[in-house]
Amino acid sequence: MTNLTPAHAATQERARASARLVLRGMGLNAVLALAKFAGGILGHTYALIADGAESLLDILSSLLVWMGFKVAGRPPDANHPFGHGKAEPLAALAVAGFIFLVALWIGWHAVHEIVTPHRGPHWATLPLLAGIVAVKIWFSRRLHAAGETAGSTALGVEAMHHWADAVTSGAAFVGIAIAVIGGKGFETADDWAALFACVVIAFNGVLMAGRALRDVMDTAVPDQIEQRVRAYALAVPGVRELDKCRVRKSGLSHLVDIHVRVDGALSVRAGHDIAHAVKDALLAAPLHITDVSVHVEPV
C-alpha cells in the first residue's frame, strides 16, 4: 500500500521524529560511556565503571527501540491491515527485559567488588558524576515530553531508562562521596551504591515491562481519550446517540470501533453517509487515530 492517508503519514512522521531522538540518545550514551570508563579507571571506582558498561548496553537497547520505530512507521499492507504499530511496544518490552539483565550483571559484579579488597575512589570522580546526572535528567525529561506528545510507549520507556541511569550515577556519587569522606574502611561504599542502584534499575524494569505489556495486550485507553472520541462522533450531524465505543492503542496511533445510532427511517445510503462522516471526523481529530470502524444502528 503506497498511498498514505494523512493519518498514517502523520504517524510515520512521528515515528521518524522519535527514531531521530533515540539516535541522539545513543550518541549521548556513547560519549558518557567513554567519560565514565575514563573516570572509573583513573579514579579507582567500580561503580563508575559499571555505570559506563551500562551506558554501552543502553546503546544496544536503544537500537532495539530505534528499530521498533522504523517498523512501526510503516504503512498498512496486505499482511498488516491495521499497520505495524505493535512493533513499538514490543521493542519497549524487549528493552525492559534487557534492563533486568543489566541489573543482574551490575549486581553480580558489585557483590564481587564488595568482597574483594581494593583501593578507594578518587574525589575527582564526583564532579564528573554530578555533570552526568544533570545531563541524564535533562535528556530524560526531553524524551518524556516527546513521548507524551507522540503518544509513544517506547519513548516513555526510553525516558525512564535515562532516568534510571541518572539514579545509578547519583547512587555512585553518594557512594564515592562516603568513601572519600570516610577514608580507610569505606572503600566499598561505591560498590554498595552500585548494588543499591541495581534494585532501582530492576524496579524501573518492572514499570517499563508493565507499561509495554498494557499496549501489547490492548488494554483500554484512558477514559479521557474515549470521552473525546465520543464527543467528536456525537458532533456529526445525524448521529442521535452512541452505543459502544472501543479505543485501543497500536504503537503511535489509536484504532477505534464505534457504534452510532441514527434515525431508523433513513435510507441505507443516508446512514452510510453519516457513518462515513463520523469516520472522517475521527480521522481528522487530533487524537492520533489511523483506523475507524463505524457500525450504524437505528434509534
C-alpha atoms as a PDB file:
ATOM      1  CA  MET A   1       0.000   0.000   0.000  1.00  0.00           C
ATOM      2  CA  THR A   2       1.900   3.031  -1.295  1.00  0.00           C
ATOM      3  CA  ASN A   3      -0.685   5.793  -0.930  1.00  0.00           C
ATOM      4  CA  LEU A   4      -0.617   7.020   2.656  1.00  0.00           C
ATOM      5  CA  THR A   5      -3.668   8.565   4.263  1.00  0.00           C
ATOM      6  CA  PRO A   6      -2.986  11.832   6.126  1.00  0.00           C
ATOM      7  CA  ALA A   7      -3.408   9.972   9.445  1.00  0.00           C
ATOM      8  CA  HIS A   8      -0.873   7.296   8.512  1.00  0.00           C
ATOM      9  CA  ALA A   9       1.518   9.920   7.111  1.00  0.00           C
ATOM     10  CA  ALA A  10       1.348  11.785  10.436  1.00  0.00           C
ATOM     11  CA  THR A  11       2.045   8.550  12.325  1.00  0.00           C
ATOM     12  CA  GLN A  12       5.004   7.838  10.063  1.00  0.00           C
ATOM     13  CA  GLU A  13       6.416  11.310  10.702  1.00  0.00           C
ATOM     14  CA  ARG A  14       6.035  10.858  14.494  1.00  0.00           C
ATOM     15  CA  ALA A  15       7.883   7.541  14.202  1.00  0.00           C
ATOM     16  CA  ARG A  16      10.716   9.185  12.250  1.00  0.00           C
ATOM     17  CA  ALA A  17      10.999  12.063  14.725  1.00  0.00           C
ATOM     18  CA  SER A  18      11.027   9.611  17.645  1.00  0.00           C
ATOM     19  CA  ALA A  19      13.691   7.487  15.941  1.00  0.00           C
ATOM     20  CA  ARG A  20      15.884  10.563  15.460  1.00  0.00           C
ATOM     21  CA  LEU A  21      15.573  11.407  19.146  1.00  0.00           C
ATOM     22  CA  VAL A  22      16.554   7.849  20.094  1.00  0.00           C
ATOM     23  CA  LEU A  23      19.626   8.141  17.857  1.00  0.00           C
ATOM     24  CA  ARG A  24      20.656  11.291  19.715  1.00  0.00           C
ATOM     25  CA  GLY A  25      20.302   9.385  22.971  1.00  0.00           C
ATOM     26  CA  MET A  26      22.583   6.665  21.588  1.00  0.00           C
ATOM     27  CA  GLY A  27      25.196   9.274  20.751  1.00  0.00           C
ATOM     28  CA  LEU A  28      24.872  10.780  24.232  1.00  0.00           C
ATOM     29  CA  ASN A  29      25.336   7.363  25.853  1.00  0.00           C
ATOM     30  CA  ALA A  30      28.453   6.710  23.748  1.00  0.00           C
ATOM     31  CA  VAL A  31      30.060   9.952  24.939  1.00  0.00           C
ATOM     32  CA  LEU A  32      29.069   9.382  28.559  1.00  0.00           C
ATOM     33  CA  ALA A  33      30.307   5.778  28.483  1.00  0.00           C
ATOM     34  CA  LEU A  34      33.789   6.950  27.494  1.00  0.00           C
ATOM     35  CA  ALA A  35      33.756   9.594  30.242  1.00  0.00           C
ATOM     36  CA  LYS A  36      32.597   7.047  32.831  1.00  0.00           C
ATOM     37  CA  PHE A  37      35.205   4.463  31.867  1.00  0.00           C
ATOM     38  CA  ALA A  38      37.967   7.068  31.976  1.00  0.00           C
ATOM     39  CA  GLY A  39      36.766   8.391  35.345  1.00  0.00           C
ATOM     40  CA  GLY A  40      36.267   4.890  36.778  1.00  0.00           C
ATOM     41  CA  ILE A  41      39.710   3.614  35.745  1.00  0.00           C
ATOM     42  CA  LEU A  42      41.619   6.741  36.739  1.00  0.00           C
ATOM     43  CA  GLY A  43      39.521   7.319  39.860  1.00  0.00           C
ATOM     44  CA  HIS A  44      39.589   3.673  41.073  1.00  0.00           C
ATOM     45  CA  THR A  45      35.816   3.266  41.363  1.00  0.00           C
ATOM     46  CA  TYR A  46      33.926   0.214  40.158  1.00  0.00           C
ATOM     47  CA  ALA A  47      30.568   1.998  40.473  1.00  0.00           C
ATOM     48  CA  LEU A  48      31.588   4.378  37.678  1.00  0.00           C
ATOM     49  CA  ILE A  49      32.987   1.585  35.511  1.00  0.00           C
ATOM     50  CA  ALA A  50      29.733  -0.357  35.963  1.00  0.00           C
ATOM     51  CA  ASP A  51      27.831   2.801  35.071  1.00  0.00           C
ATOM     52  CA  GLY A  52      29.920   3.103  31.884  1.00  0.00           C
ATOM     53  CA  ALA A  53      29.239  -0.519  30.974  1.00  0.00           C
ATOM     54  CA  GLU A  54      25.533   0.128  31.445  1.00  0.00           C
ATOM     55  CA  SER A  55      25.739   3.115  29.086  1.00  0.00           C
ATOM     56  CA  LEU A  56      27.250   0.863  26.416  1.00  0.00           C
ATOM     57  CA  LEU A  57      24.479  -1.672  26.940  1.00  0.00           C
ATOM     58  CA  ASP A  58      21.976   1.184  26.769  1.00  0.00           C
ATOM     59  CA  ILE A  59      23.150   1.840  23.222  1.00  0.00           C
ATOM     60  CA  LEU A  60      22.165  -1.700  22.252  1.00  0.00           C
ATOM     61  CA  SER A  61      18.766  -1.403  23.939  1.00  0.00           C
ATOM     62  CA  SER A  62      18.177   1.976  22.274  1.00  0.00           C
ATOM     63  CA  LEU A  63      18.995   0.323  18.960  1.00  0.00           C
ATOM     64  CA  LEU A  64      16.083  -2.046  19.583  1.00  0.00           C
ATOM     65  CA  VAL A  65      13.792   0.929  20.197  1.00  0.00           C
ATOM     66  CA  TRP A  66      15.088   2.655  17.045  1.00  0.00           C
ATOM     67  CA  MET A  67      14.344  -0.476  15.003  1.00  0.00           C
ATOM     68  CA  GLY A  68      10.901  -0.640  16.587  1.00  0.00           C
ATOM     69  CA  PHE A  69      10.139   2.905  15.417  1.00  0.00           C
ATOM     70  CA  LYS A  70      11.383   2.138  11.905  1.00  0.00           C
ATOM     71  CA  VAL A  71       8.968  -0.809  11.692  1.00  0.00           C
ATOM     72  CA  ALA A  72       6.086   0.961  13.481  1.00  0.00           C
ATOM     73  CA  GLY A  73       6.250   3.817  10.970  1.00  0.00           C
ATOM     74  CA  ARG A  74       5.477   1.553   8.029  1.00  0.00           C
ATOM     75  CA  PRO A  75       2.019   1.964   6.478  1.00  0.00           C
ATOM     76  CA  PRO A  76      -0.576  -0.853   6.493  1.00  0.00           C
ATOM     77  CA  ASP A  77      -0.097  -3.628   3.956  1.00  0.00           C
ATOM     78  CA  ALA A  78      -1.806  -6.867   2.954  1.00  0.00           C
ATOM     79  CA  ASN A  79      -0.327  -8.786   5.886  1.00  0.00           C
ATOM     80  CA  HIS A  80      -0.788  -5.977   8.426  1.00  0.00           C
ATOM     81  CA  PRO A  81      -4.041  -4.174   7.544  1.00  0.00           C
ATOM     82  CA  PHE A  82      -4.015  -2.211  10.814  1.00  0.00           C
ATOM     83  CA  GLY A  83      -0.407  -1.118  10.386  1.00  0.00           C
ATOM     84  CA  HIS A  84       2.801  -2.113  12.172  1.00  0.00           C
ATOM     85  CA  GLY A  85       2.259  -0.146  15.374  1.00  0.00           C
ATOM     86  CA  LYS A  86       2.702  -3.131  17.705  1.00  0.00           C
ATOM     87  CA  ALA A  87       6.418  -3.128  16.849  1.00  0.00           C
ATOM     88  CA  GLU A  88       6.799  -0.081  19.117  1.00  0.00           C
ATOM     89  CA  PRO A  89       5.572  -1.617  22.429  1.00  0.00           C
ATOM     90  CA  LEU A  90       7.287  -4.906  21.532  1.00  0.00           C
ATOM     91  CA  ALA A  91      10.585  -3.008  21.279  1.00  0.00           C
ATOM     92  CA  ALA A  92       9.833  -1.375  24.642  1.00  0.00           C
ATOM     93  CA  LEU A  93       9.151  -4.826  26.130  1.00  0.00           C
ATOM     94  CA  ALA A  94      12.492  -6.088  24.798  1.00  0.00           C
ATOM     95  CA  VAL A  95      14.251  -3.118  26.413  1.00  0.00           C
ATOM     96  CA  ALA A  96      12.562  -3.885  29.743  1.00  0.00           C
ATOM     97  CA  GLY A  97      13.923  -7.446  29.578  1.00  0.00           C
ATOM     98  CA  PHE A  98      17.330  -6.043  28.684  1.00  0.00           C
ATOM     99  CA  ILE A  99      17.235  -3.832  31.770  1.00  0.00           C
ATOM    100  CA  PHE A 100      16.671  -6.838  34.040  1.00  0.00           C
ATOM    101  CA  LEU A 101      19.813  -8.446  32.613  1.00  0.00           C
ATOM    102  CA  VAL A 102      21.775  -5.222  33.158  1.00  0.00           C
ATOM    103  CA  ALA A 103      20.632  -5.047  36.783  1.00  0.00           C
ATOM    104  CA  LEU A 104      21.660  -8.662  37.325  1.00  0.00           C
ATOM    105  CA  TRP A 105      25.071  -8.097  35.716  1.00  0.00           C
ATOM    106  CA  ILE A 106      25.865  -4.962  37.722  1.00  0.00           C
ATOM    107  CA  GLY A 107      24.645  -6.589  40.942  1.00  0.00           C
ATOM    108  CA  TRP A 108      26.824  -9.659  40.416  1.00  0.00           C
ATOM    109  CA  HIS A 109      29.963  -7.601  39.870  1.00  0.00           C
ATOM    110  CA  ALA A 110      29.120  -5.191  42.704  1.00  0.00           C
ATOM    111  CA  VAL A 111      28.984  -8.103  45.154  1.00  0.00           C
ATOM    112  CA  HIS A 112      32.318  -9.330  43.791  1.00  0.00           C
ATOM    113  CA  GLU A 113      33.901  -5.925  44.409  1.00  0.00           C
ATOM    114  CA  ILE A 114      32.415  -5.725  47.922  1.00  0.00           C
ATOM    115  CA  VAL A 115      34.078  -8.981  48.978  1.00  0.00           C
ATOM    116  CA  THR A 116      37.358  -8.173  47.180  1.00  0.00           C
ATOM    117  CA  PRO A 117      39.715  -5.674  48.884  1.00  0.00           C
ATOM    118  CA  HIS A 118      40.560  -2.750  46.601  1.00  0.00           C
ATOM    119  CA  ARG A 119      41.714   0.833  46.557  1.00  0.00           C
ATOM    120  CA  GLY A 120      39.273   3.620  47.450  1.00  0.00           C
ATOM    121  CA  PRO A 121      37.840   6.002  44.802  1.00  0.00           C
ATOM    122  CA  HIS A 122      39.305   9.413  43.996  1.00  0.00           C
ATOM    123  CA  TRP A 123      37.401  12.613  44.832  1.00  0.00           C
ATOM    124  CA  ALA A 124      37.827  13.939  41.247  1.00  0.00           C
ATOM    125  CA  THR A 125      35.147  11.497  40.055  1.00  0.00           C
ATOM    126  CA  LEU A 126      32.496  13.447  41.965  1.00  0.00           C
ATOM    127  CA  PRO A 127      32.292  16.496  39.612  1.00  0.00           C
ATOM    128  CA  LEU A 128      32.147  14.107  36.639  1.00  0.00           C
ATOM    129  CA  LEU A 129      29.219  12.224  38.161  1.00  0.00           C
ATOM    130  CA  ALA A 130      27.395  15.442  39.014  1.00  0.00           C
ATOM    131  CA  GLY A 131      27.597  16.515  35.369  1.00  0.00           C
ATOM    132  CA  ILE A 132      26.426  13.087  34.169  1.00  0.00           C
ATOM    133  CA  VAL A 133      23.409  13.162  36.492  1.00  0.00           C
ATOM    134  CA  ALA A 134      22.428  16.642  35.265  1.00  0.00           C
ATOM    135  CA  VAL A 135      22.707  15.657  31.584  1.00  0.00           C
ATOM    136  CA  LYS A 136      20.755  12.429  32.075  1.00  0.00           C
ATOM    137  CA  ILE A 137      17.906  14.121  33.936  1.00  0.00           C
ATOM    138  CA  TRP A 138      17.686  16.791  31.213  1.00  0.00           C
ATOM    139  CA  PHE A 139      17.558  14.228  28.391  1.00  0.00           C
ATOM    140  CA  SER A 140      15.100  12.024  30.292  1.00  0.00           C
ATOM    141  CA  ARG A 141      12.681  14.938  30.628  1.00  0.00           C
ATOM    142  CA  ARG A 142      13.081  15.749  26.950  1.00  0.00           C
ATOM    143  CA  LEU A 143      12.272  12.157  25.973  1.00  0.00           C
ATOM    144  CA  HIS A 144       9.305  12.067  28.348  1.00  0.00           C
ATOM    145  CA  ALA A 145       7.840  15.242  26.844  1.00  0.00           C
ATOM    146  CA  ALA A 146       8.368  13.900  23.313  1.00  0.00           C
ATOM    147  CA  GLY A 147       6.760  10.592  24.303  1.00  0.00           C
ATOM    148  CA  GLU A 148       3.698  12.357  25.707  1.00  0.00           C
ATOM    149  CA  THR A 149       3.351  14.427  22.522  1.00  0.00           C
ATOM    150  CA  ALA A 150       3.756  11.446  20.186  1.00  0.00           C
ATOM    151  CA  GLY A 151       1.774   9.037  22.361  1.00  0.00           C
ATOM    152  CA  SER A 152       4.782   6.705  22.371  1.00  0.00           C
ATOM    153  CA  THR A 153       5.244   3.941  24.927  1.00  0.00           C
ATOM    154  CA  ALA A 154       8.767   3.218  23.675  1.00  0.00           C
ATOM    155  CA  LEU A 155       9.871   6.841  24.133  1.00  0.00           C
ATOM    156  CA  GLY A 156       8.355   6.793  27.609  1.00  0.00           C
ATOM    157  CA  VAL A 157      10.351   3.640  28.380  1.00  0.00           C
ATOM    158  CA  GLU A 158      13.500   5.271  26.998  1.00  0.00           C
ATOM    159  CA  ALA A 159      12.848   8.295  29.227  1.00  0.00           C
ATOM    160  CA  MET A 160      12.531   6.020  32.266  1.00  0.00           C
ATOM    161  CA  HIS A 161      15.713   4.247  31.171  1.00  0.00           C
ATOM    162  CA  HIS A 162      17.688   7.511  31.084  1.00  0.00           C
ATOM    163  CA  TRP A 163      16.163   8.469  34.428  1.00  0.00           C
ATOM    164  CA  ALA A 164      17.344   5.123  35.852  1.00  0.00           C
ATOM    165  CA  ASP A 165      20.822   5.971  34.545  1.00  0.00           C
ATOM    166  CA  ALA A 166      20.659   9.256  36.427  1.00  0.00           C
ATOM    167  CA  VAL A 167      19.694   7.371  39.600  1.00  0.00           C
ATOM    168  CA  THR A 168      22.566   4.932  39.080  1.00  0.00           C
ATOM    169  CA  SER A 169      25.038   7.768  38.662  1.00  0.00           C
ATOM    170  CA  GLY A 170      23.509   9.580  41.631  1.00  0.00           C
ATOM    171  CA  ALA A 171      23.920   6.469  43.782  1.00  0.00           C
ATOM    172  CA  ALA A 172      27.529   6.211  42.632  1.00  0.00           C
ATOM    173  CA  PHE A 173      28.036   9.870  43.588  1.00  0.00           C
ATOM    174  CA  VAL A 174      26.742   9.227  47.106  1.00  0.00           C
ATOM    175  CA  GLY A 175      28.812   6.065  47.473  1.00  0.00           C
ATOM    176  CA  ILE A 176      32.007   7.707  46.273  1.00  0.00           C
ATOM    177  CA  ALA A 177      31.415  10.736  48.486  1.00  0.00           C
ATOM    178  CA  ILE A 178      31.051   8.439  51.509  1.00  0.00           C
ATOM    179  CA  ALA A 179      34.212   6.532  50.534  1.00  0.00           C
ATOM    180  CA  VAL A 180      36.197   9.750  50.062  1.00  0.00           C
ATOM    181  CA  ILE A 181      34.993  11.351  53.301  1.00  0.00           C
ATOM    182  CA  GLY A 182      35.170   8.147  55.339  1.00  0.00           C
ATOM    183  CA  GLY A 183      38.631   7.177  54.138  1.00  0.00           C
ATOM    184  CA  LYS A 184      40.113   3.835  55.153  1.00  0.00           C
ATOM    185  CA  GLY A 185      37.460   1.200  55.804  1.00  0.00           C
ATOM    186  CA  PHE A 186      34.903   2.832  53.495  1.00  0.00           C
ATOM    187  CA  GLU A 187      36.473   1.715  50.199  1.00  0.00           C
ATOM    188  CA  THR A 188      33.451  -0.411  49.282  1.00  0.00           C
ATOM    189  CA  ALA A 189      30.875   2.371  49.747  1.00  0.00           C
ATOM    190  CA  ASP A 190      30.638   2.978  45.990  1.00  0.00           C
ATOM    191  CA  ASP A 191      30.196  -0.770  45.393  1.00  0.00           C
ATOM    192  CA  TRP A 192      27.294  -0.811  47.841  1.00  0.00           C
ATOM    193  CA  ALA A 193      25.919   2.181  45.942  1.00  0.00           C
ATOM    194  CA  ALA A 194      26.159   0.192  42.685  1.00  0.00           C
ATOM    195  CA  LEU A 195      24.299  -2.676  44.375  1.00  0.00           C
ATOM    196  CA  PHE A 196      21.574  -0.292  45.543  1.00  0.00           C
ATOM    197  CA  ALA A 197      21.305   1.094  42.014  1.00  0.00           C
ATOM    198  CA  CYS A 198      20.593  -2.449  40.759  1.00  0.00           C
ATOM    199  CA  VAL A 199      17.432  -2.539  42.848  1.00  0.00           C
ATOM    200  CA  VAL A 200      16.315   0.800  41.379  1.00  0.00           C
ATOM    201  CA  ILE A 201      17.091  -0.373  37.836  1.00  0.00           C
ATOM    202  CA  ALA A 202      15.185  -3.635  38.334  1.00  0.00           C
ATOM    203  CA  PHE A 203      12.186  -1.762  39.783  1.00  0.00           C
ATOM    204  CA  ASN A 204      12.141   0.519  36.753  1.00  0.00           C
ATOM    205  CA  GLY A 205      12.344  -2.556  34.542  1.00  0.00           C
ATOM    206  CA  VAL A 206       9.124  -3.817  36.150  1.00  0.00           C
ATOM    207  CA  LEU A 207       7.389  -0.485  35.486  1.00  0.00           C
ATOM    208  CA  MET A 208       8.621  -0.423  31.881  1.00  0.00           C
ATOM    209  CA  ALA A 209       7.526  -4.015  31.238  1.00  0.00           C
ATOM    210  CA  GLY A 210       4.077  -3.317  32.683  1.00  0.00           C
ATOM    211  CA  ARG A 211       3.597  -0.256  30.500  1.00  0.00           C
ATOM    212  CA  ALA A 212       4.670  -2.103  27.343  1.00  0.00           C
ATOM    213  CA  LEU A 213       2.528  -5.154  28.171  1.00  0.00           C
ATOM    214  CA  ARG A 214      -0.552  -2.967  28.551  1.00  0.00           C
ATOM    215  CA  ASP A 215      -0.130  -1.823  24.949  1.00  0.00           C
ATOM    216  CA  VAL A 216       0.613  -5.303  23.635  1.00  0.00           C
ATOM    217  CA  MET A 217      -2.460  -6.706  25.417  1.00  0.00           C
ATOM    218  CA  ASP A 218      -4.748  -3.938  24.052  1.00  0.00           C
ATOM    219  CA  THR A 219      -5.576  -2.520  27.477  1.00  0.00           C
ATOM    220  CA  ALA A 220      -8.283   0.151  27.319  1.00  0.00           C
ATOM    221  CA  VAL A 221      -7.022   3.674  26.729  1.00  0.00           C
ATOM    222  CA  PRO A 222      -7.509   6.324  29.452  1.00  0.00           C
ATOM    223  CA  ASP A 223     -11.142   7.355  29.872  1.00  0.00           C
ATOM    224  CA  GLN A 224     -10.491  10.939  28.752  1.00  0.00           C
ATOM    225  CA  ILE A 225      -9.411   9.731  25.301  1.00  0.00           C
ATOM    226  CA  GLU A 226     -12.581   7.659  24.885  1.00  0.00           C
ATOM    227  CA  GLN A 227     -14.703  10.622  26.002  1.00  0.00           C
ATOM    228  CA  ARG A 228     -13.062  12.846  23.384  1.00  0.00           C
ATOM    229  CA  VAL A 229     -13.740  10.219  20.710  1.00  0.00           C
ATOM    230  CA  ARG A 230     -17.388  10.124  21.756  1.00  0.00           C
ATOM    231  CA  ALA A 231     -17.614  13.921  21.690  1.00  0.00           C
ATOM    232  CA  TYR A 232     -16.274  14.144  18.126  1.00  0.00           C
ATOM    233  CA  ALA A 233     -18.653  11.413  16.959  1.00  0.00           C
ATOM    234  CA  LEU A 234     -21.716  12.978  18.628  1.00  0.00           C
ATOM    235  CA  ALA A 235     -20.920  16.305  16.955  1.00  0.00           C
ATOM    236  CA  VAL A 236     -21.511  14.782  13.499  1.00  0.00           C
ATOM    237  CA  PRO A 237     -24.945  15.790  12.084  1.00  0.00           C
ATOM    238  CA  GLY A 238     -27.337  12.854  12.015  1.00  0.00           C
ATOM    239  CA  VAL A 239     -25.828  10.992  14.969  1.00  0.00           C
ATOM    240  CA  ARG A 240     -28.555  10.718  17.604  1.00  0.00           C
ATOM    241  CA  GLU A 241     -26.591   8.829  20.253  1.00  0.00           C
ATOM    242  CA  LEU A 242     -23.773   6.343  20.718  1.00  0.00           C
ATOM    243  CA  ASP A 243     -23.717   2.734  21.840  1.00  0.00           C
ATOM    244  CA  LYS A 244     -20.345   1.012  22.093  1.00  0.00           C
ATOM    245  CA  CYS A 245     -17.071   2.856  21.744  1.00  0.00           C
ATOM    246  CA  ARG A 246     -13.848   0.877  21.932  1.00  0.00           C
ATOM    247  CA  VAL A 247     -10.446   2.511  21.526  1.00  0.00           C
ATOM    248  CA  ARG A 248      -7.130   0.683  21.592  1.00  0.00           C
ATOM    249  CA  LYS A 249      -3.591   1.871  21.231  1.00  0.00           C
ATOM    250  CA  SER A 250      -1.421   0.476  18.448  1.00  0.00           C
ATOM    251  CA  GLY A 251       2.057   1.917  18.733  1.00  0.00           C
ATOM    252  CA  LEU A 252       1.886   5.616  17.933  1.00  0.00           C
ATOM    253  CA  SER A 253      -1.766   5.597  16.889  1.00  0.00           C
ATOM    254  CA  HIS A 254      -5.249   4.649  18.078  1.00  0.00           C
ATOM    255  CA  LEU A 255      -7.757   2.277  16.466  1.00  0.00           C
ATOM    256  CA  VAL A 256     -11.477   2.950  17.049  1.00  0.00           C
ATOM    257  CA  ASP A 257     -14.528   0.691  16.884  1.00  0.00           C
ATOM    258  CA  ILE A 258     -17.706   2.722  17.446  1.00  0.00           C
ATOM    259  CA  HIS A 259     -21.476   2.097  17.201  1.00  0.00           C
ATOM    260  CA  VAL A 260     -23.619   5.119  16.281  1.00  0.00           C
ATOM    261  CA  ARG A 261     -27.411   5.334  16.423  1.00  0.00           C
ATOM    262  CA  VAL A 262     -29.257   7.210  13.673  1.00  0.00           C
ATOM    263  CA  ASP A 263     -32.884   7.755  12.667  1.00  0.00           C
ATOM    264  CA  GLY A 264     -34.263   4.309  11.757  1.00  0.00           C
ATOM    265  CA  ALA A 265     -36.329   5.790   8.905  1.00  0.00           C
ATOM    266  CA  LEU A 266     -33.228   6.900   6.986  1.00  0.00           C
ATOM    267  CA  SER A 267     -32.210   5.142   3.791  1.00  0.00           C
ATOM    268  CA  VAL A 268     -29.195   2.848   3.725  1.00  0.00           C
ATOM    269  CA  ARG A 269     -27.301   5.443   1.688  1.00  0.00           C
ATOM    270  CA  ALA A 270     -28.060   8.209   4.213  1.00  0.00           C
ATOM    271  CA  GLY A 271     -26.938   6.004   7.086  1.00  0.00           C
ATOM    272  CA  HIS A 272     -23.771   5.163   5.175  1.00  0.00           C
ATOM    273  CA  ASP A 273     -23.051   8.862   4.615  1.00  0.00           C
ATOM    274  CA  ILE A 274     -23.389   9.563   8.324  1.00  0.00           C
ATOM    275  CA  ALA A 275     -21.064   6.673   9.162  1.00  0.00           C
ATOM    276  CA  HIS A 276     -18.513   7.997   6.657  1.00  0.00           C
ATOM    277  CA  ALA A 277     -18.783  11.473   8.187  1.00  0.00           C
ATOM    278  CA  VAL A 278     -18.110  10.010  11.646  1.00  0.00           C
ATOM    279  CA  LYS A 279     -15.053   8.207  10.328  1.00  0.00           C
ATOM    280  CA  ASP A 280     -13.741  11.350   8.614  1.00  0.00           C
ATOM    281  CA  ALA A 281     -14.314  13.442  11.754  1.00  0.00           C
ATOM    282  CA  LEU A 282     -12.397  10.995  13.952  1.00  0.00           C
ATOM    283  CA  LEU A 283      -9.514  10.608  11.492  1.00  0.00           C
ATOM    284  CA  ALA A 284      -9.212  14.392  11.337  1.00  0.00           C
ATOM    285  CA  ALA A 285      -9.362  14.781  15.133  1.00  0.00           C
ATOM    286  CA  PRO A 286      -6.064  15.481  16.970  1.00  0.00           C
ATOM    287  CA  LEU A 287      -6.170  12.065  18.667  1.00  0.00           C
ATOM    288  CA  HIS A 288      -3.628  10.103  16.568  1.00  0.00           C
ATOM    289  CA  ILE A 289      -6.382   7.892  15.097  1.00  0.00           C
ATOM    290  CA  THR A 290      -5.437   5.914  11.961  1.00  0.00           C
ATOM    291  CA  ASP A 291      -8.359   3.496  11.588  1.00  0.00           C
ATOM    292  CA  VAL A 292     -12.079   3.697  12.438  1.00  0.00           C
ATOM    293  CA  SER A 293     -14.780   1.045  12.159  1.00  0.00           C
ATOM    294  CA  VAL A 294     -18.275   2.555  12.351  1.00  0.00           C
ATOM    295  CA  HIS A 295     -21.372   0.435  12.947  1.00  0.00           C
ATOM    296  CA  VAL A 296     -24.742   2.070  12.259  1.00  0.00           C
ATOM    297  CA  GLU A 297     -27.829   1.120  14.291  1.00  0.00           C
ATOM    298  CA  PRO A 298     -31.359   2.547  14.275  1.00  0.00           C
ATOM    299  CA  VAL A 299     -32.586   4.541  17.249  1.00  0.00           C
END
